[in-house]
Amino acid sequence: MAGAEDRDLKGLRRSRRVRKATMIKEMGGASEEFQIVMLKRQMKAVIARNEAALKDDAAPLEPLQPPEPVGSGKKRKVVKTEVQQEFIDHMILNPHRPSDGFREENLGKCNQKWRNLYFRQKELADTVLEYQQALIKQYRTKGYAVDCTEVTDDEDDS
């Protein structure tokens, strides 16, 4: 049984690398705005998957499904907001690394449930760190950073 769970973990790590490589390839010539929107979509998908997994502890670790395509029925628009200087300074000084100092070699001593939780949290932390780095890069090239949030017709009315 443990062998199947280890294969699930390896598949999750591999799918993360493949997804990241695909996203980087797609964003190669894309605008910074598109990159930030894609990173936010990825964060939301990781959070939703982690919440579902926490509700059902027995659920196997599944690779993250790609976010729904842009042309999926509802009309979307991007709302831009300038990121405050204090927030940028905080991201530069304190990058998001919640498991900093924890050695992955110690996971061998932990049970499977703890390892699953660790890798889910690590995936979320890596996604948040990528998002922060995109904003910092934008700040360093332009002198300011703009956060882009995608809203649908339903969300726009409220």
N, C-alpha and C. Protein backbone atom coordinates (compact mmCIF):
# COMPACT_ATOMS: atom_id res chain seq x y z
N MET A 1 0.83 -1.20 0.00
CA MET A 1 0.00 0.00 0.00
C MET A 1 0.87 1.26 0.00
N ALA A 2 1.97 1.21 0.76
CA ALA A 2 2.84 2.38 0.83
C ALA A 2 3.48 2.67 -0.52
N GLY A 3 3.74 1.62 -1.32
CA GLY A 3 4.34 1.82 -2.63
C GLY A 3 3.45 2.63 -3.55
N ALA A 4 2.14 2.39 -3.47
CA ALA A 4 1.19 3.13 -4.31
C ALA A 4 1.15 4.60 -3.91
N GLU A 5 1.22 4.85 -2.59
CA GLU A 5 1.20 6.24 -2.12
C GLU A 5 2.47 6.97 -2.52
N ASP A 6 3.62 6.25 -2.47
CA ASP A 6 4.87 6.87 -2.90
C ASP A 6 4.84 7.20 -4.38
N ARG A 7 4.23 6.32 -5.20
CA ARG A 7 4.09 6.61 -6.63
C ARG A 7 3.21 7.83 -6.84
N ASP A 8 2.16 7.97 -6.00
CA ASP A 8 1.29 9.15 -6.10
C ASP A 8 2.07 10.41 -5.82
N LEU A 9 2.95 10.37 -4.80
CA LEU A 9 3.76 11.54 -4.47
C LEU A 9 4.72 11.87 -5.60
N LYS A 10 5.35 10.84 -6.17
CA LYS A 10 6.27 11.08 -7.29
C LYS A 10 5.52 11.65 -8.48
N GLY A 11 4.32 11.13 -8.73
CA GLY A 11 3.50 11.65 -9.83
C GLY A 11 3.10 13.09 -9.60
N LEU A 12 2.82 13.44 -8.34
CA LEU A 12 2.44 14.81 -8.02
C LEU A 12 3.63 15.75 -8.26
N ARG A 13 4.82 15.35 -7.81
CA ARG A 13 6.00 16.19 -8.01
C ARG A 13 6.30 16.34 -9.50
N ARG A 14 6.20 15.24 -10.25
CA ARG A 14 6.47 15.29 -11.68
C ARG A 14 5.45 16.16 -12.39
N SER A 15 4.16 16.03 -12.01
CA SER A 15 3.13 16.83 -12.67
C SER A 15 3.34 18.31 -12.37
N ARG A 16 3.84 18.63 -11.17
CA ARG A 16 4.13 20.02 -10.83
C ARG A 16 5.21 20.57 -11.75
N ARG A 17 6.27 19.78 -11.97
CA ARG A 17 7.36 20.22 -12.84
C ARG A 17 6.87 20.38 -14.27
N VAL A 18 6.08 19.43 -14.75
CA VAL A 18 5.56 19.50 -16.11
C VAL A 18 4.65 20.72 -16.26
N ARG A 19 3.76 20.93 -15.26
CA ARG A 19 2.84 22.06 -15.31
C ARG A 19 3.61 23.38 -15.31
N LYS A 20 4.65 23.46 -14.46
CA LYS A 20 5.43 24.69 -14.39
C LYS A 20 6.17 24.94 -15.70
N ALA A 21 6.75 23.88 -16.28
CA ALA A 21 7.46 24.02 -17.54
C ALA A 21 6.50 24.45 -18.66
N THR A 22 5.30 23.88 -18.66
CA THR A 22 4.30 24.24 -19.67
C THR A 22 3.89 25.69 -19.50
N MET A 23 3.67 26.09 -18.23
CA MET A 23 3.25 27.46 -17.97
C MET A 23 4.34 28.45 -18.38
N ILE A 24 5.60 28.12 -18.10
CA ILE A 24 6.70 29.01 -18.48
C ILE A 24 6.78 29.10 -20.01
N LYS A 25 6.59 27.97 -20.68
CA LYS A 25 6.62 27.96 -22.14
C LYS A 25 5.51 28.83 -22.70
N GLU A 26 4.29 28.71 -22.12
CA GLU A 26 3.16 29.52 -22.58
C GLU A 26 3.40 31.00 -22.32
N MET A 27 4.04 31.31 -21.18
CA MET A 27 4.21 32.70 -20.79
C MET A 27 5.46 33.33 -21.38
N GLY A 28 6.22 32.57 -22.16
CA GLY A 28 7.47 33.07 -22.71
C GLY A 28 7.34 34.44 -23.34
N GLY A 29 6.40 34.61 -24.22
CA GLY A 29 6.21 35.89 -24.88
C GLY A 29 5.01 36.64 -24.35
N ALA A 30 4.42 36.14 -23.28
CA ALA A 30 3.21 36.74 -22.75
C ALA A 30 3.53 37.97 -21.90
N SER A 31 2.53 38.77 -21.71
CA SER A 31 2.71 39.97 -20.91
C SER A 31 2.81 39.63 -19.43
N GLU A 32 3.34 40.57 -18.66
CA GLU A 32 3.44 40.38 -17.21
C GLU A 32 2.05 40.25 -16.61
N GLU A 33 1.09 40.95 -17.19
CA GLU A 33 -0.29 40.89 -16.72
C GLU A 33 -0.82 39.46 -16.83
N PHE A 34 -0.58 38.83 -17.96
CA PHE A 34 -1.04 37.46 -18.18
C PHE A 34 -0.34 36.50 -17.21
N GLN A 35 0.94 36.71 -16.98
CA GLN A 35 1.69 35.86 -16.05
C GLN A 35 1.09 35.91 -14.65
N ILE A 36 0.77 37.11 -14.18
CA ILE A 36 0.21 37.26 -12.83
C ILE A 36 -1.17 36.63 -12.75
N VAL A 37 -1.98 36.81 -13.78
CA VAL A 37 -3.31 36.19 -13.80
C VAL A 37 -3.18 34.67 -13.77
N MET A 38 -2.27 34.11 -14.55
CA MET A 38 -2.08 32.66 -14.56
C MET A 38 -1.58 32.14 -13.21
N LEU A 39 -0.68 32.87 -12.57
CA LEU A 39 -0.19 32.45 -11.26
C LEU A 39 -1.31 32.50 -10.22
N LYS A 40 -2.17 33.50 -10.31
CA LYS A 40 -3.30 33.58 -9.38
C LYS A 40 -4.28 32.43 -9.61
N ARG A 41 -4.53 32.10 -10.87
CA ARG A 41 -5.40 30.96 -11.18
C ARG A 41 -4.82 29.67 -10.59
N GLN A 42 -3.52 29.51 -10.75
CA GLN A 42 -2.87 28.32 -10.23
C GLN A 42 -2.97 28.28 -8.70
N MET A 43 -2.78 29.42 -8.04
CA MET A 43 -2.91 29.47 -6.57
C MET A 43 -4.30 29.07 -6.13
N LYS A 44 -5.32 29.59 -6.81
CA LYS A 44 -6.70 29.25 -6.44
C LYS A 44 -6.96 27.76 -6.62
N ALA A 45 -6.44 27.19 -7.69
CA ALA A 45 -6.64 25.76 -7.93
C ALA A 45 -5.94 24.92 -6.87
N VAL A 46 -4.73 25.31 -6.48
CA VAL A 46 -4.01 24.57 -5.43
C VAL A 46 -4.75 24.66 -4.11
N ILE A 47 -5.23 25.85 -3.77
CA ILE A 47 -5.97 26.03 -2.51
C ILE A 47 -7.23 25.19 -2.51
N ALA A 48 -7.98 25.21 -3.62
CA ALA A 48 -9.22 24.43 -3.69
C ALA A 48 -8.94 22.93 -3.56
N ARG A 49 -7.89 22.46 -4.23
CA ARG A 49 -7.55 21.05 -4.14
C ARG A 49 -7.11 20.68 -2.73
N ASN A 50 -6.34 21.54 -2.07
CA ASN A 50 -5.89 21.26 -0.71
C ASN A 50 -7.06 21.24 0.27
N GLU A 51 -8.01 22.15 0.11
CA GLU A 51 -9.17 22.17 0.99
C GLU A 51 -10.00 20.89 0.81
N ALA A 52 -10.17 20.46 -0.42
CA ALA A 52 -10.92 19.24 -0.68
C ALA A 52 -10.20 18.03 -0.07
N ALA A 53 -8.89 18.02 -0.18
CA ALA A 53 -8.12 16.89 0.37
C ALA A 53 -8.16 16.88 1.89
N LEU A 54 -8.18 18.03 2.52
CA LEU A 54 -8.23 18.08 3.98
C LEU A 54 -9.59 17.61 4.51
N LYS A 55 -10.65 17.84 3.73
CA LYS A 55 -11.97 17.36 4.15
C LYS A 55 -12.05 15.85 4.10
N ASP A 56 -11.39 15.27 3.11
CA ASP A 56 -11.40 13.82 2.95
C ASP A 56 -9.97 13.31 3.12
N ASP A 57 -9.60 12.97 4.37
CA ASP A 57 -8.23 12.56 4.68
C ASP A 57 -7.80 11.32 3.91
N ALA A 58 -8.73 10.46 3.58
CA ALA A 58 -8.38 9.20 2.92
C ALA A 58 -8.17 9.37 1.42
N ALA A 59 -8.45 10.56 0.90
CA ALA A 59 -8.33 10.77 -0.54
C ALA A 59 -6.88 10.65 -0.99
N PRO A 60 -6.62 9.96 -2.10
CA PRO A 60 -5.25 9.85 -2.59
C PRO A 60 -4.77 11.19 -3.14
N LEU A 61 -3.48 11.35 -3.21
CA LEU A 61 -2.88 12.56 -3.72
C LEU A 61 -3.03 12.56 -5.24
N GLU A 62 -3.72 13.55 -5.78
CA GLU A 62 -3.95 13.61 -7.22
C GLU A 62 -3.25 14.82 -7.81
N PRO A 63 -2.75 14.70 -9.03
CA PRO A 63 -2.13 15.86 -9.67
C PRO A 63 -3.16 16.96 -9.91
N LEU A 64 -2.70 18.18 -9.87
CA LEU A 64 -3.56 19.33 -10.07
C LEU A 64 -4.03 19.39 -11.51
N GLN A 65 -5.32 19.59 -11.69
CA GLN A 65 -5.87 19.73 -13.03
C GLN A 65 -5.59 21.14 -13.52
N PRO A 66 -5.39 21.33 -14.80
CA PRO A 66 -5.13 22.67 -15.31
C PRO A 66 -6.35 23.57 -15.09
N PRO A 67 -6.12 24.87 -14.89
CA PRO A 67 -7.25 25.77 -14.69
C PRO A 67 -8.15 25.79 -15.92
N GLU A 68 -9.42 26.14 -15.68
CA GLU A 68 -10.37 26.15 -16.78
C GLU A 68 -9.94 27.16 -17.84
N PRO A 69 -10.19 26.87 -19.10
CA PRO A 69 -9.74 27.75 -20.17
C PRO A 69 -10.43 29.11 -20.12
N VAL A 70 -9.78 30.07 -20.75
CA VAL A 70 -10.28 31.44 -20.71
C VAL A 70 -11.66 31.56 -21.35
N GLY A 71 -11.92 30.89 -22.43
CA GLY A 71 -13.19 31.03 -23.13
C GLY A 71 -14.22 30.02 -22.63
N SER A 72 -14.46 29.94 -21.32
CA SER A 72 -15.36 28.91 -20.79
C SER A 72 -16.76 29.45 -20.50
N GLY A 73 -17.28 30.34 -21.30
CA GLY A 73 -18.66 30.76 -21.16
C GLY A 73 -18.82 32.13 -20.53
N LYS A 74 -18.32 32.31 -19.32
CA LYS A 74 -18.50 33.58 -18.63
C LYS A 74 -17.49 34.60 -19.16
N LYS A 75 -17.95 35.81 -19.28
CA LYS A 75 -17.07 36.87 -19.75
C LYS A 75 -16.19 37.32 -18.58
N ARG A 76 -14.91 37.44 -18.85
CA ARG A 76 -13.97 37.82 -17.81
C ARG A 76 -13.28 39.11 -18.18
N LYS A 77 -12.92 39.83 -17.14
CA LYS A 77 -12.09 41.01 -17.38
C LYS A 77 -11.05 41.08 -16.27
N VAL A 78 -9.99 41.80 -16.54
CA VAL A 78 -8.88 41.91 -15.60
C VAL A 78 -8.94 43.27 -14.93
N VAL A 79 -8.93 43.24 -13.60
CA VAL A 79 -8.92 44.47 -12.81
C VAL A 79 -7.50 44.67 -12.30
N LYS A 80 -6.93 45.82 -12.56
CA LYS A 80 -5.54 46.10 -12.17
C LYS A 80 -5.54 47.02 -10.95
N THR A 81 -4.70 46.68 -9.98
CA THR A 81 -4.50 47.54 -8.82
C THR A 81 -3.01 47.66 -8.57
N GLU A 82 -2.59 48.85 -8.23
CA GLU A 82 -1.17 49.06 -7.96
C GLU A 82 -0.84 48.51 -6.58
N VAL A 83 0.28 47.81 -6.49
CA VAL A 83 0.71 47.21 -5.22
C VAL A 83 1.44 48.27 -4.42
N GLN A 84 1.08 48.38 -3.14
CA GLN A 84 1.68 49.40 -2.28
C GLN A 84 3.16 49.11 -2.05
N GLN A 85 3.92 50.16 -1.90
CA GLN A 85 5.38 50.05 -1.70
C GLN A 85 5.71 49.22 -0.46
N GLU A 86 4.93 49.37 0.62
CA GLU A 86 5.19 48.61 1.84
C GLU A 86 5.06 47.10 1.61
N PHE A 87 4.08 46.72 0.79
CA PHE A 87 3.88 45.31 0.49
C PHE A 87 5.04 44.75 -0.32
N ILE A 88 5.51 45.53 -1.29
CA ILE A 88 6.67 45.11 -2.10
C ILE A 88 7.89 44.96 -1.21
N ASP A 89 8.14 45.94 -0.34
CA ASP A 89 9.29 45.86 0.57
C ASP A 89 9.20 44.63 1.47
N HIS A 90 8.00 44.33 1.95
CA HIS A 90 7.81 43.17 2.81
C HIS A 90 8.09 41.87 2.04
N MET A 91 7.64 41.79 0.78
CA MET A 91 7.88 40.59 -0.03
C MET A 91 9.37 40.42 -0.32
N ILE A 92 10.09 41.51 -0.52
CA ILE A 92 11.52 41.43 -0.79
C ILE A 92 12.27 40.95 0.45
N LEU A 93 11.92 41.53 1.60
CA LEU A 93 12.62 41.19 2.85
C LEU A 93 12.20 39.84 3.42
N ASN A 94 10.95 39.43 3.21
CA ASN A 94 10.41 38.20 3.80
C ASN A 94 9.75 37.34 2.73
N PRO A 95 10.53 36.66 1.90
CA PRO A 95 9.91 35.80 0.89
C PRO A 95 9.11 34.68 1.56
N HIS A 96 8.06 34.24 0.90
CA HIS A 96 7.14 33.24 1.46
C HIS A 96 7.80 31.86 1.43
N ARG A 97 8.34 31.46 2.57
CA ARG A 97 8.96 30.13 2.70
C ARG A 97 8.58 29.56 4.06
N PRO A 98 7.36 29.07 4.21
CA PRO A 98 6.91 28.62 5.53
C PRO A 98 7.63 27.37 6.03
N SER A 99 8.15 26.55 5.15
CA SER A 99 8.83 25.33 5.61
C SER A 99 10.35 25.50 5.59
N ASP A 100 10.82 26.73 5.63
CA ASP A 100 12.25 26.99 5.65
C ASP A 100 12.84 26.40 6.92
N GLY A 101 13.91 25.67 6.78
CA GLY A 101 14.55 25.05 7.93
C GLY A 101 14.14 23.61 8.15
N PHE A 102 13.06 23.17 7.51
CA PHE A 102 12.63 21.78 7.63
C PHE A 102 13.33 20.98 6.54
N ARG A 103 14.00 19.95 6.92
CA ARG A 103 14.73 19.13 5.95
C ARG A 103 13.85 18.00 5.45
N GLU A 104 13.78 17.85 4.14
CA GLU A 104 12.94 16.81 3.55
C GLU A 104 13.42 15.41 3.91
N GLU A 105 14.66 15.28 4.31
CA GLU A 105 15.17 13.97 4.73
C GLU A 105 14.40 13.47 5.96
N ASN A 106 13.89 14.39 6.77
CA ASN A 106 13.14 14.03 7.97
C ASN A 106 11.76 13.46 7.66
N LEU A 107 11.31 13.59 6.43
CA LEU A 107 9.99 13.07 6.07
C LEU A 107 9.93 11.54 6.14
N GLY A 108 11.07 10.90 6.02
CA GLY A 108 11.10 9.45 6.11
C GLY A 108 10.65 8.95 7.48
N LYS A 109 10.79 9.77 8.48
CA LYS A 109 10.38 9.40 9.85
C LYS A 109 8.90 9.67 10.09
N CYS A 110 8.27 10.37 9.19
CA CYS A 110 6.87 10.78 9.37
C CYS A 110 5.94 9.77 8.72
N ASN A 111 4.68 9.79 9.16
CA ASN A 111 3.70 8.90 8.52
C ASN A 111 3.23 9.50 7.19
N GLN A 112 2.49 8.71 6.43
CA GLN A 112 2.08 9.10 5.08
C GLN A 112 1.18 10.34 5.09
N LYS A 113 0.30 10.44 6.07
CA LYS A 113 -0.61 11.59 6.15
C LYS A 113 0.19 12.88 6.29
N TRP A 114 1.22 12.86 7.12
CA TRP A 114 2.06 14.04 7.32
C TRP A 114 2.82 14.39 6.04
N ARG A 115 3.34 13.38 5.33
CA ARG A 115 4.06 13.64 4.07
C ARG A 115 3.14 14.25 3.04
N ASN A 116 1.91 13.73 2.93
CA ASN A 116 0.95 14.30 1.99
C ASN A 116 0.68 15.76 2.31
N LEU A 117 0.46 16.04 3.59
CA LEU A 117 0.20 17.42 4.01
C LEU A 117 1.40 18.30 3.69
N TYR A 118 2.60 17.82 3.95
CA TYR A 118 3.80 18.60 3.68
C TYR A 118 3.90 18.96 2.20
N PHE A 119 3.70 17.97 1.32
CA PHE A 119 3.85 18.24 -0.11
C PHE A 119 2.74 19.14 -0.64
N ARG A 120 1.55 19.04 -0.08
CA ARG A 120 0.47 19.96 -0.49
C ARG A 120 0.80 21.39 -0.07
N GLN A 121 1.29 21.54 1.17
CA GLN A 121 1.65 22.87 1.65
C GLN A 121 2.85 23.43 0.90
N LYS A 122 3.79 22.57 0.56
CA LYS A 122 4.97 23.01 -0.18
C LYS A 122 4.57 23.48 -1.58
N GLU A 123 3.64 22.78 -2.20
CA GLU A 123 3.16 23.19 -3.52
C GLU A 123 2.51 24.57 -3.46
N LEU A 124 1.70 24.80 -2.43
CA LEU A 124 1.07 26.11 -2.27
C LEU A 124 2.12 27.18 -1.99
N ALA A 125 3.08 26.88 -1.13
CA ALA A 125 4.13 27.85 -0.81
C ALA A 125 4.96 28.20 -2.05
N ASP A 126 5.27 27.21 -2.87
CA ASP A 126 6.02 27.47 -4.10
C ASP A 126 5.23 28.36 -5.06
N THR A 127 3.93 28.13 -5.13
CA THR A 127 3.08 28.93 -6.01
C THR A 127 3.01 30.38 -5.52
N VAL A 128 2.84 30.56 -4.22
CA VAL A 128 2.80 31.92 -3.65
C VAL A 128 4.13 32.62 -3.86
N LEU A 129 5.24 31.89 -3.68
CA LEU A 129 6.56 32.48 -3.88
C LEU A 129 6.75 32.91 -5.34
N GLU A 130 6.29 32.10 -6.29
CA GLU A 130 6.37 32.46 -7.72
C GLU A 130 5.59 33.75 -7.99
N TYR A 131 4.40 33.85 -7.40
CA TYR A 131 3.57 35.04 -7.56
C TYR A 131 4.29 36.27 -7.01
N GLN A 132 4.85 36.14 -5.81
CA GLN A 132 5.57 37.25 -5.21
C GLN A 132 6.78 37.65 -6.07
N GLN A 133 7.50 36.67 -6.58
CA GLN A 133 8.66 36.97 -7.41
C GLN A 133 8.26 37.67 -8.70
N ALA A 134 7.10 37.33 -9.25
CA ALA A 134 6.62 38.02 -10.45
C ALA A 134 6.34 39.49 -10.16
N LEU A 135 5.73 39.76 -9.00
CA LEU A 135 5.46 41.15 -8.62
C LEU A 135 6.76 41.91 -8.36
N ILE A 136 7.72 41.26 -7.70
CA ILE A 136 9.01 41.91 -7.42
C ILE A 136 9.75 42.20 -8.72
N LYS A 137 9.73 41.25 -9.65
CA LYS A 137 10.39 41.46 -10.94
C LYS A 137 9.77 42.65 -11.67
N GLN A 138 8.43 42.71 -11.64
CA GLN A 138 7.74 43.83 -12.27
C GLN A 138 8.14 45.15 -11.61
N TYR A 139 8.26 45.15 -10.30
CA TYR A 139 8.66 46.36 -9.56
C TYR A 139 10.07 46.78 -9.94
N ARG A 140 10.96 45.81 -10.06
CA ARG A 140 12.36 46.15 -10.36
C ARG A 140 12.54 46.64 -11.79
N THR A 141 11.71 46.17 -12.72
CA THR A 141 11.86 46.62 -14.10
C THR A 141 11.14 47.93 -14.37
N LYS A 142 9.99 48.12 -13.76
CA LYS A 142 9.18 49.31 -14.04
C LYS A 142 9.26 50.39 -12.96
N GLY A 143 9.63 50.00 -11.76
CA GLY A 143 9.64 50.96 -10.66
C GLY A 143 8.33 50.92 -9.87
N TYR A 144 7.38 50.14 -10.31
CA TYR A 144 6.11 49.92 -9.61
C TYR A 144 5.59 48.56 -10.02
N ALA A 145 4.64 48.04 -9.26
CA ALA A 145 4.06 46.73 -9.58
C ALA A 145 2.55 46.85 -9.64
N VAL A 146 1.95 46.16 -10.58
CA VAL A 146 0.51 46.15 -10.75
C VAL A 146 0.02 44.72 -10.58
N ASP A 147 -0.92 44.53 -9.65
CA ASP A 147 -1.52 43.22 -9.43
C ASP A 147 -2.76 43.13 -10.30
N CYS A 148 -2.92 42.02 -10.97
CA CYS A 148 -4.04 41.82 -11.87
C CYS A 148 -4.94 40.72 -11.32
N THR A 149 -6.22 41.03 -11.20
CA THR A 149 -7.19 40.06 -10.72
C THR A 149 -8.26 39.87 -11.78
N GLU A 150 -8.57 38.60 -12.04
CA GLU A 150 -9.56 38.27 -13.05
C GLU A 150 -10.93 38.18 -12.39
N VAL A 151 -11.91 38.88 -12.93
CA VAL A 151 -13.28 38.81 -12.41
C VAL A 151 -14.22 38.43 -13.55
N THR A 152 -15.28 37.69 -13.19
CA THR A 152 -16.28 37.31 -14.17
C THR A 152 -17.46 38.28 -14.09
N ASP A 153 -18.42 38.11 -14.97
CA ASP A 153 -19.60 38.97 -14.97
C ASP A 153 -20.32 38.90 -13.63
N ASP A 154 -20.43 37.70 -13.05
CA ASP A 154 -21.15 37.51 -11.79
C ASP A 154 -20.47 38.28 -10.65
N GLU A 155 -19.14 38.21 -10.57
CA GLU A 155 -18.41 38.87 -9.50
C GLU A 155 -18.39 40.37 -9.69
N ASP A 156 -18.45 40.83 -10.92
CA ASP A 156 -18.36 42.25 -11.24
C ASP A 156 -19.57 43.02 -10.73
N ASP A 157 -20.74 42.36 -10.67
CA ASP A 157 -21.96 43.05 -10.26
C ASP A 157 -21.97 43.42 -8.79
N SER A 158 -21.28 42.67 -7.95
CA SER A 158 -21.31 42.93 -6.50
C SER A 158 -20.34 43.99 -6.07
